[in-house]
Amino acid sequence: MVLDAPFAKKSEIPLSAIKAVALVPEMPGKTVRTNGYGGENYLTGDFKVAGKKATLYLNVKQPPYLHISTKNRDYYFSNRTEAQTRALYEKIQSQFPD
């Protein structure tokens, strides 16, 4: 899986590295930018979220956010619309048997 956003580096995440995937209505704790862009509408780049390393590709005005957890890093992503973000979530979920 590849996550990408304008003015941000791509993240290639092997499906085998994904430990959990969820839709979250807001960021789960304090969000601190370590390298990237943190503006009023967009958060992209490397951050710490609730003390854990994270890469964000967020339009903050378009929750819910897709939260992908791996062993070493979390990823947060939102698409242009809520429907697009939900569709991506469902596509990823379909890759994991119950």
N, C-alpha and C. Protein backbone atom coordinates (compact mmCIF):
# COMPACT_ATOMS: atom_id res chain seq x y z
N MET A 1 0.84 -1.16 0.00
CA MET A 1 0.00 0.00 0.00
C MET A 1 0.89 1.23 0.00
N VAL A 2 0.50 2.25 -0.74
CA VAL A 2 1.26 3.49 -0.82
C VAL A 2 0.36 4.64 -0.37
N LEU A 3 0.88 5.44 0.57
CA LEU A 3 0.20 6.65 1.00
C LEU A 3 1.01 7.83 0.49
N ASP A 4 0.31 8.85 -0.01
CA ASP A 4 0.99 9.97 -0.62
C ASP A 4 0.12 11.21 -0.47
N ALA A 5 0.76 12.36 -0.47
CA ALA A 5 0.06 13.64 -0.43
C ALA A 5 0.98 14.69 -1.05
N PRO A 6 0.40 15.79 -1.53
CA PRO A 6 1.25 16.85 -2.08
C PRO A 6 2.26 17.35 -1.04
N PHE A 7 3.46 17.59 -1.47
CA PHE A 7 4.54 18.13 -0.64
C PHE A 7 4.94 17.22 0.52
N ALA A 8 4.68 15.92 0.38
CA ALA A 8 5.07 14.95 1.41
C ALA A 8 5.69 13.74 0.73
N LYS A 9 6.61 13.09 1.44
CA LYS A 9 7.22 11.89 0.88
C LYS A 9 6.22 10.73 0.94
N LYS A 10 6.34 9.82 -0.01
CA LYS A 10 5.48 8.64 -0.06
C LYS A 10 5.85 7.68 1.06
N SER A 11 4.85 6.95 1.52
CA SER A 11 5.08 5.85 2.46
C SER A 11 4.60 4.58 1.80
N GLU A 12 5.49 3.60 1.68
CA GLU A 12 5.12 2.29 1.15
C GLU A 12 5.02 1.35 2.34
N ILE A 13 3.82 0.82 2.56
CA ILE A 13 3.56 -0.04 3.70
C ILE A 13 3.16 -1.43 3.19
N PRO A 14 3.98 -2.43 3.42
CA PRO A 14 3.58 -3.78 3.02
C PRO A 14 2.34 -4.21 3.83
N LEU A 15 1.39 -4.84 3.18
CA LEU A 15 0.19 -5.29 3.89
C LEU A 15 0.56 -6.20 5.06
N SER A 16 1.63 -6.96 4.91
CA SER A 16 2.06 -7.87 5.98
C SER A 16 2.54 -7.12 7.22
N ALA A 17 2.89 -5.82 7.08
CA ALA A 17 3.36 -5.03 8.21
C ALA A 17 2.23 -4.39 9.01
N ILE A 18 1.03 -4.40 8.44
CA ILE A 18 -0.10 -3.75 9.11
C ILE A 18 -0.60 -4.62 10.25
N LYS A 19 -0.59 -4.04 11.46
CA LYS A 19 -1.08 -4.74 12.65
C LYS A 19 -2.55 -4.46 12.91
N ALA A 20 -3.00 -3.24 12.59
CA ALA A 20 -4.40 -2.87 12.80
C ALA A 20 -4.74 -1.70 11.89
N VAL A 21 -6.01 -1.60 11.55
CA VAL A 21 -6.50 -0.48 10.76
C VAL A 21 -7.86 -0.07 11.34
N ALA A 22 -8.07 1.24 11.44
CA ALA A 22 -9.31 1.74 12.02
C ALA A 22 -9.64 3.11 11.44
N LEU A 23 -10.89 3.48 11.57
CA LEU A 23 -11.30 4.86 11.28
C LEU A 23 -11.46 5.56 12.62
N VAL A 24 -10.83 6.71 12.78
CA VAL A 24 -10.92 7.44 14.03
C VAL A 24 -11.52 8.82 13.76
N PRO A 25 -12.39 9.29 14.66
CA PRO A 25 -13.04 10.59 14.44
C PRO A 25 -12.14 11.79 14.69
N GLU A 26 -11.05 11.57 15.45
CA GLU A 26 -10.10 12.65 15.76
C GLU A 26 -8.76 12.04 16.12
N MET A 27 -7.76 12.87 16.23
CA MET A 27 -6.43 12.38 16.59
C MET A 27 -6.44 11.92 18.04
N PRO A 28 -5.84 10.76 18.31
CA PRO A 28 -5.93 10.16 19.66
C PRO A 28 -4.84 10.66 20.61
N GLY A 29 -4.84 11.92 20.91
CA GLY A 29 -3.85 12.43 21.85
C GLY A 29 -3.05 13.57 21.25
N LYS A 30 -2.06 14.01 21.99
CA LYS A 30 -1.23 15.13 21.59
C LYS A 30 -0.49 14.81 20.30
N THR A 31 -0.50 15.76 19.35
CA THR A 31 0.15 15.61 18.06
C THR A 31 1.25 16.67 17.95
N VAL A 32 2.51 16.20 17.81
CA VAL A 32 3.66 17.10 17.74
C VAL A 32 4.40 16.86 16.43
N ARG A 33 4.58 17.92 15.66
CA ARG A 33 5.29 17.82 14.38
C ARG A 33 6.79 17.71 14.62
N THR A 34 7.44 16.74 14.00
CA THR A 34 8.89 16.61 14.09
C THR A 34 9.56 16.98 12.77
N ASN A 35 8.86 16.76 11.64
CA ASN A 35 9.38 17.13 10.34
C ASN A 35 8.22 17.09 9.35
N GLY A 36 7.91 18.21 8.75
CA GLY A 36 6.81 18.24 7.81
C GLY A 36 6.06 19.55 7.90
N TYR A 37 4.79 19.50 7.53
CA TYR A 37 3.95 20.69 7.49
C TYR A 37 2.80 20.53 8.48
N GLY A 38 2.59 21.54 9.28
CA GLY A 38 1.48 21.54 10.21
C GLY A 38 0.74 22.85 10.12
N GLY A 39 -0.29 22.92 9.30
CA GLY A 39 -1.05 24.15 9.12
C GLY A 39 -2.46 24.00 9.63
N GLU A 40 -3.27 24.99 9.34
CA GLU A 40 -4.65 25.00 9.80
C GLU A 40 -5.48 23.90 9.16
N ASN A 41 -5.21 23.61 7.88
CA ASN A 41 -6.03 22.65 7.13
C ASN A 41 -5.35 21.32 6.87
N TYR A 42 -4.03 21.28 6.85
CA TYR A 42 -3.31 20.07 6.48
C TYR A 42 -2.20 19.76 7.48
N LEU A 43 -1.99 18.48 7.73
CA LEU A 43 -0.86 17.98 8.51
C LEU A 43 -0.22 16.88 7.67
N THR A 44 1.03 17.11 7.25
CA THR A 44 1.73 16.10 6.47
C THR A 44 3.16 15.98 6.96
N GLY A 45 3.66 14.75 6.97
CA GLY A 45 5.04 14.52 7.37
C GLY A 45 5.14 13.69 8.63
N ASP A 46 6.27 13.85 9.32
CA ASP A 46 6.56 13.05 10.51
C ASP A 46 6.11 13.78 11.77
N PHE A 47 5.40 13.06 12.62
CA PHE A 47 4.85 13.60 13.84
C PHE A 47 5.01 12.57 14.95
N LYS A 48 4.73 12.99 16.16
CA LYS A 48 4.52 12.06 17.27
C LYS A 48 3.07 12.24 17.67
N VAL A 49 2.36 11.14 17.74
CA VAL A 49 0.95 11.16 18.13
C VAL A 49 0.82 10.30 19.37
N ALA A 50 0.41 10.91 20.46
CA ALA A 50 0.28 10.22 21.75
C ALA A 50 1.59 9.49 22.08
N GLY A 51 2.73 10.11 21.76
CA GLY A 51 4.04 9.56 22.10
C GLY A 51 4.61 8.54 21.15
N LYS A 52 3.88 8.18 20.07
CA LYS A 52 4.36 7.18 19.12
C LYS A 52 4.69 7.85 17.78
N LYS A 53 5.77 7.38 17.12
CA LYS A 53 6.12 7.91 15.80
C LYS A 53 4.96 7.70 14.84
N ALA A 54 4.67 8.74 14.05
CA ALA A 54 3.57 8.66 13.10
C ALA A 54 3.89 9.49 11.87
N THR A 55 3.33 9.06 10.75
CA THR A 55 3.38 9.83 9.51
C THR A 55 1.95 10.21 9.18
N LEU A 56 1.75 11.50 8.94
CA LEU A 56 0.40 12.01 8.69
C LEU A 56 0.25 12.50 7.26
N TYR A 57 -0.90 12.21 6.70
CA TYR A 57 -1.33 12.71 5.39
C TYR A 57 -2.78 13.15 5.59
N LEU A 58 -2.97 14.27 6.29
CA LEU A 58 -4.32 14.63 6.72
C LEU A 58 -4.80 15.96 6.18
N ASN A 59 -6.03 15.93 5.70
CA ASN A 59 -6.83 17.13 5.54
C ASN A 59 -7.64 17.17 6.83
N VAL A 60 -7.28 18.04 7.76
CA VAL A 60 -7.89 18.00 9.09
C VAL A 60 -9.38 18.33 9.07
N LYS A 61 -9.86 18.88 7.98
CA LYS A 61 -11.29 19.21 7.86
C LYS A 61 -12.11 18.05 7.29
N GLN A 62 -11.46 16.88 7.08
CA GLN A 62 -12.15 15.73 6.48
C GLN A 62 -12.05 14.47 7.34
N PRO A 63 -12.51 14.52 8.60
CA PRO A 63 -12.55 13.26 9.35
C PRO A 63 -13.68 12.40 8.83
N PRO A 64 -13.71 11.12 9.12
CA PRO A 64 -12.80 10.41 10.00
C PRO A 64 -11.46 10.18 9.30
N TYR A 65 -10.46 9.83 10.11
CA TYR A 65 -9.12 9.57 9.60
C TYR A 65 -8.85 8.08 9.61
N LEU A 66 -8.18 7.63 8.58
CA LEU A 66 -7.73 6.24 8.51
C LEU A 66 -6.48 6.13 9.38
N HIS A 67 -6.49 5.21 10.33
CA HIS A 67 -5.35 5.00 11.23
C HIS A 67 -4.81 3.60 10.95
N ILE A 68 -3.58 3.54 10.49
CA ILE A 68 -2.91 2.28 10.19
C ILE A 68 -1.77 2.12 11.19
N SER A 69 -1.77 1.01 11.92
CA SER A 69 -0.72 0.74 12.90
C SER A 69 0.22 -0.33 12.37
N THR A 70 1.52 -0.07 12.50
CA THR A 70 2.54 -1.07 12.24
C THR A 70 3.38 -1.19 13.52
N LYS A 71 4.33 -2.08 13.52
CA LYS A 71 5.16 -2.31 14.71
C LYS A 71 5.89 -1.03 15.14
N ASN A 72 6.45 -0.31 14.19
CA ASN A 72 7.31 0.83 14.52
C ASN A 72 6.70 2.21 14.32
N ARG A 73 5.58 2.29 13.63
CA ARG A 73 5.04 3.60 13.26
C ARG A 73 3.55 3.50 13.00
N ASP A 74 2.86 4.60 13.26
CA ASP A 74 1.45 4.72 12.89
C ASP A 74 1.34 5.65 11.69
N TYR A 75 0.29 5.47 10.93
CA TYR A 75 0.01 6.33 9.78
C TYR A 75 -1.43 6.81 9.90
N TYR A 76 -1.63 8.09 9.61
CA TYR A 76 -2.97 8.67 9.59
C TYR A 76 -3.18 9.30 8.23
N PHE A 77 -4.34 9.05 7.64
CA PHE A 77 -4.61 9.48 6.27
C PHE A 77 -6.06 9.88 6.13
N SER A 78 -6.29 10.95 5.41
CA SER A 78 -7.67 11.28 5.00
C SER A 78 -7.63 11.67 3.53
N ASN A 79 -8.70 11.32 2.86
CA ASN A 79 -8.80 11.60 1.43
C ASN A 79 -9.55 12.91 1.24
N ARG A 80 -9.88 13.23 0.01
CA ARG A 80 -10.59 14.48 -0.28
C ARG A 80 -11.99 14.52 0.31
N THR A 81 -12.61 13.33 0.43
CA THR A 81 -13.95 13.27 0.99
C THR A 81 -14.02 12.13 2.01
N GLU A 82 -15.00 12.22 2.89
CA GLU A 82 -15.21 11.16 3.88
C GLU A 82 -15.49 9.84 3.18
N ALA A 83 -16.28 9.87 2.11
CA ALA A 83 -16.63 8.64 1.38
C ALA A 83 -15.38 7.96 0.81
N GLN A 84 -14.43 8.73 0.30
CA GLN A 84 -13.20 8.16 -0.25
C GLN A 84 -12.35 7.54 0.86
N THR A 85 -12.29 8.18 2.00
CA THR A 85 -11.53 7.63 3.13
C THR A 85 -12.17 6.33 3.60
N ARG A 86 -13.49 6.32 3.72
CA ARG A 86 -14.19 5.09 4.14
C ARG A 86 -14.00 3.96 3.13
N ALA A 87 -14.01 4.28 1.85
CA ALA A 87 -13.82 3.27 0.81
C ALA A 87 -12.42 2.65 0.91
N LEU A 88 -11.41 3.47 1.17
CA LEU A 88 -10.05 2.95 1.33
C LEU A 88 -9.97 2.06 2.56
N TYR A 89 -10.59 2.47 3.64
CA TYR A 89 -10.64 1.64 4.86
C TYR A 89 -11.25 0.27 4.56
N GLU A 90 -12.37 0.26 3.87
CA GLU A 90 -13.04 -1.00 3.55
C GLU A 90 -12.17 -1.87 2.64
N LYS A 91 -11.47 -1.25 1.71
CA LYS A 91 -10.58 -2.00 0.81
C LYS A 91 -9.46 -2.67 1.60
N ILE A 92 -8.86 -1.94 2.54
CA ILE A 92 -7.79 -2.50 3.35
C ILE A 92 -8.34 -3.61 4.24
N GLN A 93 -9.49 -3.36 4.87
CA GLN A 93 -10.11 -4.36 5.74
C GLN A 93 -10.38 -5.66 4.99
N SER A 94 -10.74 -5.56 3.72
CA SER A 94 -11.06 -6.77 2.94
C SER A 94 -9.83 -7.64 2.70
N GLN A 95 -8.64 -7.09 2.90
CA GLN A 95 -7.41 -7.85 2.71
C GLN A 95 -7.06 -8.75 3.89
N PHE A 96 -7.76 -8.55 5.00
CA PHE A 96 -7.48 -9.32 6.20
C PHE A 96 -8.65 -10.23 6.52
N PRO A 97 -8.40 -11.55 6.53
CA PRO A 97 -9.50 -12.46 6.86
C PRO A 97 -9.89 -12.31 8.34
N ASP A 98 -11.15 -12.56 8.62
CA ASP A 98 -11.63 -12.46 10.01
C ASP A 98 -11.10 -13.56 10.88
